[in-house]
N, C-alpha and C. Protein backbone atom coordinates (compact mmCIF):
# COMPACT_ATOMS: atom_id res chain seq x y z
N UNK A 1 3.21 -0.02 1.08
CA UNK A 1 2.48 -0.87 0.28
C UNK A 1 0.81 -0.35 1.10
N UNK A 2 -0.14 -0.63 0.66
CA UNK A 2 -1.60 -0.40 1.35
C UNK A 2 -1.91 -1.75 1.96
N UNK A 3 -2.05 -1.63 2.99
CA UNK A 3 -3.02 -3.11 3.71
C UNK A 3 -4.11 -2.73 3.95
N UNK A 4 -5.16 -3.92 3.69
CA UNK A 4 -6.57 -3.81 4.80
C UNK A 4 -6.21 -4.40 6.03
N UNK A 5 -6.89 -4.31 6.84
CA UNK A 5 -7.08 -4.53 8.14
C UNK A 5 -7.21 -5.79 8.33
N UNK A 6 -6.44 -6.52 9.30
CA UNK A 6 -6.28 -7.93 9.27
C UNK A 6 -5.06 -8.54 10.04
N UNK A 7 -5.00 -9.53 10.05
CA UNK A 7 -3.96 -10.35 11.04
C UNK A 7 -2.87 -10.59 9.71
N UNK A 8 -1.37 -10.16 10.14
CA UNK A 8 -0.38 -10.68 8.84
C UNK A 8 0.39 -11.18 9.81
N UNK A 9 1.26 -12.14 8.86
CA UNK A 9 2.60 -12.79 9.68
C UNK A 9 3.80 -12.18 8.20
N UNK A 10 4.87 -12.38 8.74
CA UNK A 10 6.12 -12.23 7.90
C UNK A 10 6.90 -13.17 8.09
N UNK A 11 7.16 -13.78 6.91
CA UNK A 11 7.94 -15.24 6.86
C UNK A 11 9.35 -14.79 6.80
N UNK A 12 10.06 -15.27 7.83
CA UNK A 12 11.31 -15.10 8.04
C UNK A 12 12.38 -15.97 7.97
N UNK A 13 11.83 -17.57 7.92
CA UNK A 13 12.21 -18.74 8.34
C UNK A 13 13.36 -19.11 7.20
N UNK A 14 13.41 -18.52 6.17
CA UNK A 14 14.58 -18.76 5.19
C UNK A 14 15.88 -17.86 5.01
N UNK A 15 15.73 -17.00 5.89
CA UNK A 15 16.57 -15.72 6.12
C UNK A 15 18.33 -16.24 6.42
N UNK A 16 18.87 -15.49 5.73
CA UNK A 16 20.36 -16.10 6.16
C UNK A 16 20.57 -16.06 7.48
N UNK A 17 20.29 -15.54 8.18
CA UNK A 17 20.56 -14.95 10.11
C UNK A 17 19.59 -15.68 10.66
N UNK A 18 18.63 -16.03 9.81
CA UNK A 18 17.04 -16.44 10.98
C UNK A 18 16.18 -14.91 11.27
N UNK A 19 15.16 -15.53 12.03
CA UNK A 19 14.01 -14.50 11.94
C UNK A 19 14.76 -13.49 13.36
N UNK A 20 15.44 -14.09 13.98
CA UNK A 20 15.70 -13.03 15.51
C UNK A 20 16.96 -12.52 15.10
N UNK A 21 17.71 -12.37 14.31
CA UNK A 21 19.19 -11.33 14.29
C UNK A 21 19.10 -10.17 13.74
N UNK A 22 19.73 -9.29 14.38
CA UNK A 22 19.65 -7.86 14.24
C UNK A 22 20.78 -7.36 13.29
N UNK A 23 21.36 -8.35 12.93
CA UNK A 23 22.76 -8.34 11.78
C UNK A 23 21.82 -7.95 10.17
N UNK A 24 20.82 -8.65 9.98
CA UNK A 24 20.41 -8.39 8.59
C UNK A 24 19.17 -8.57 8.74
N UNK A 25 18.11 -8.15 8.25
CA UNK A 25 16.70 -8.10 8.25
C UNK A 25 15.55 -7.18 7.89
N UNK A 26 14.40 -7.47 8.02
CA UNK A 26 13.67 -5.97 7.74
C UNK A 26 12.77 -5.36 8.96
N UNK A 27 12.61 -4.24 9.28
CA UNK A 27 11.79 -3.53 10.09
C UNK A 27 10.75 -2.62 9.36
N UNK A 28 9.75 -2.85 9.88
CA UNK A 28 8.46 -2.48 9.45
C UNK A 28 7.22 -1.70 10.13
N UNK A 29 6.84 -0.67 9.98
CA UNK A 29 6.07 0.23 10.75
C UNK A 29 4.53 0.50 9.78
N UNK A 30 3.33 0.77 10.56
CA UNK A 30 2.63 1.05 9.58
C UNK A 30 1.84 2.54 10.33
N UNK A 31 1.27 3.11 8.99
CA UNK A 31 0.48 4.27 9.30
C UNK A 31 -0.77 4.09 9.21
N UNK A 32 -1.59 3.93 10.23
CA UNK A 32 -2.93 3.44 10.00
C UNK A 32 -3.73 4.66 9.09
N UNK A 33 -4.86 4.35 8.21
CA UNK A 33 -5.61 5.23 7.47
C UNK A 33 -6.47 5.89 8.76
N UNK A 34 -6.61 5.76 9.65
CA UNK A 34 -7.41 6.64 10.69
C UNK A 34 -6.92 7.60 11.38
N UNK A 35 -5.50 7.82 11.20
CA UNK A 35 -4.72 8.82 11.91
C UNK A 35 -4.39 8.64 13.19
N UNK A 36 -4.34 7.41 13.63
CA UNK A 36 -4.33 7.12 15.10
C UNK A 36 -2.89 6.91 15.51
N UNK A 37 -2.20 7.21 14.81
CA UNK A 37 -0.63 7.68 14.92
C UNK A 37 0.11 5.86 14.40
N UNK A 38 1.35 5.93 14.44
CA UNK A 38 2.31 4.80 14.09
C UNK A 38 1.95 3.63 14.71
N UNK A 39 1.99 2.69 14.00
CA UNK A 39 1.60 1.05 14.73
C UNK A 39 3.01 0.35 14.37
N UNK A 40 3.64 -0.31 15.48
CA UNK A 40 4.71 -1.04 15.24
C UNK A 40 4.22 -2.19 14.44
N UNK A 41 5.14 -2.51 13.18
CA UNK A 41 4.70 -3.79 12.28
C UNK A 41 5.92 -4.69 12.84
N UNK A 42 6.75 -5.12 12.11
CA UNK A 42 7.64 -6.41 12.06
C UNK A 42 9.21 -5.92 12.52
N UNK A 43 9.75 -6.89 12.98
CA UNK A 43 11.23 -6.73 13.14
C UNK A 43 11.53 -8.01 13.62
N UNK A 44 13.07 -7.98 14.09
CA UNK A 44 13.55 -9.15 14.24
C UNK A 44 13.13 -9.55 15.79
N UNK A 45 12.51 -10.95 16.22
CA UNK A 45 11.82 -11.24 17.13
C UNK A 45 10.54 -10.91 17.47
N UNK A 46 9.81 -10.37 16.15
CA UNK A 46 8.56 -9.82 16.38
C UNK A 46 8.03 -9.79 14.56
N UNK A 47 7.98 -10.86 14.13
CA UNK A 47 7.54 -10.88 12.54
C UNK A 47 6.13 -11.49 12.38
N UNK A 48 5.48 -11.62 13.59
CA UNK A 48 4.11 -12.27 13.46
C UNK A 48 3.90 -13.37 13.99
N UNK A 49 2.67 -13.76 13.97
CA UNK A 49 1.46 -13.00 13.40
C UNK A 49 0.86 -11.98 14.32
N UNK A 50 0.52 -10.99 13.84
CA UNK A 50 0.02 -9.49 14.58
C UNK A 50 -1.25 -8.82 13.49
N UNK A 51 -2.07 -8.31 14.65
CA UNK A 51 -3.39 -7.51 13.91
C UNK A 51 -3.00 -6.47 13.44
N UNK A 52 -3.43 -5.99 12.25
CA UNK A 52 -2.86 -4.50 11.96
C UNK A 52 -4.03 -3.71 11.52
N UNK A 53 -4.05 -2.60 11.86
CA UNK A 53 -5.34 -1.61 10.89
C UNK A 53 -5.26 -1.40 9.42
N UNK A 54 -5.80 -1.17 8.92
CA UNK A 54 -6.04 -0.75 7.59
C UNK A 54 -4.83 0.51 7.41
N UNK A 55 -3.85 0.47 6.28
CA UNK A 55 -2.89 1.82 6.69
C UNK A 55 -1.68 1.53 5.53
N UNK A 56 -1.03 2.26 5.42
CA UNK A 56 0.54 1.88 4.59
C UNK A 56 1.28 1.35 5.67
N UNK A 57 1.79 0.02 4.88
CA UNK A 57 3.28 -0.28 5.46
C UNK A 57 4.68 -0.19 5.03
N UNK A 58 5.41 0.36 5.82
CA UNK A 58 6.85 0.90 5.10
C UNK A 58 7.74 -0.06 5.87
N UNK A 59 8.75 -0.66 4.79
CA UNK A 59 9.27 -1.76 5.30
C UNK A 59 11.10 -1.42 5.27
N UNK A 60 11.93 -1.56 5.42
CA UNK A 60 12.96 -1.16 5.51
C UNK A 60 14.02 -2.29 5.72
N UNK A 61 14.91 -2.62 4.94
CA UNK A 61 15.87 -3.40 4.71
C UNK A 61 16.89 -2.99 5.84
N UNK A 62 17.86 -3.69 6.52
CA UNK A 62 18.45 -3.41 7.32
C UNK A 62 20.02 -3.89 7.60
N UNK A 63 20.81 -3.94 7.42
CA UNK A 63 22.26 -4.47 7.61
C UNK A 63 23.18 -4.09 8.59
N UNK A 64 23.35 -4.64 9.85
CA UNK A 64 24.08 -4.06 11.06
C UNK A 64 25.25 -4.82 10.87
N UNK A 65 26.41 -4.58 10.32
CA UNK A 65 27.41 -5.55 10.30
C UNK A 65 28.57 -4.87 9.37
N UNK A 66 29.79 -4.99 9.37
CA UNK A 66 30.57 -4.40 9.01
C UNK A 66 31.31 -5.35 7.52
N UNK A 67 31.90 -4.83 6.33
CA UNK A 67 32.22 -5.71 5.55
C UNK A 67 31.29 -5.58 4.44
N UNK A 68 31.39 -6.59 3.82
CA UNK A 68 30.55 -7.25 2.51
C UNK A 68 29.33 -8.00 3.08
N UNK A 69 28.35 -7.75 2.48
CA UNK A 69 27.25 -8.75 2.88
C UNK A 69 26.66 -9.15 1.22
N UNK A 70 27.01 -10.73 1.36
CA UNK A 70 26.48 -11.15 -0.09
C UNK A 70 25.66 -12.55 0.49
N UNK A 71 24.63 -11.79 0.74
CA UNK A 71 23.48 -12.87 1.16
C UNK A 71 22.05 -12.44 0.23
N UNK A 72 21.12 -13.49 0.21
CA UNK A 72 19.63 -12.83 -0.61
C UNK A 72 18.77 -13.16 0.57
N UNK A 73 17.43 -13.04 0.27
CA UNK A 73 16.57 -13.27 1.19
C UNK A 73 15.51 -12.41 0.48
N UNK A 74 14.32 -13.28 0.94
CA UNK A 74 12.95 -12.56 0.20
C UNK A 74 11.73 -11.98 1.53
N UNK A 75 11.77 -11.27 2.15
CA UNK A 75 10.57 -10.83 2.85
C UNK A 75 9.33 -11.13 2.01
N UNK A 76 8.23 -12.30 2.83
CA UNK A 76 6.89 -12.44 2.48
C UNK A 76 6.09 -12.17 3.68
N UNK A 77 4.91 -11.25 3.02
CA UNK A 77 3.92 -10.96 4.06
C UNK A 77 2.88 -11.67 3.56
N UNK A 78 2.43 -12.01 4.81
CA UNK A 78 0.83 -13.24 4.37
C UNK A 78 -0.25 -12.63 5.11
N UNK A 79 -1.24 -12.79 4.68
CA UNK A 79 -2.75 -11.99 5.22
C UNK A 79 -3.22 -13.31 6.14
N UNK A 80 -3.45 -13.58 7.17
CA UNK A 80 -4.13 -14.78 7.76
C UNK A 80 -5.75 -14.70 7.88
N UNK A 81 -6.27 -13.44 8.03
CA UNK A 81 -7.57 -13.05 7.92
C UNK A 81 -7.89 -12.16 7.46
């Protein structure tokens, strides 16, 4: 998704394993419009708040566990300013 420049946070409070788990979550990176190179976005222990440049945010859901995963979570990205 394309983002305008600003400070963003990703809500991870109601995720099944919490906001710091590497078992199940989201990793995101930003490709700025100004061509300055990829910027770290969000991931466990780092869901925000974070200033981001204008650009394209790519989010990937990850599962680092064996067996079935029967969990539901809803990543929410909020622009603070």
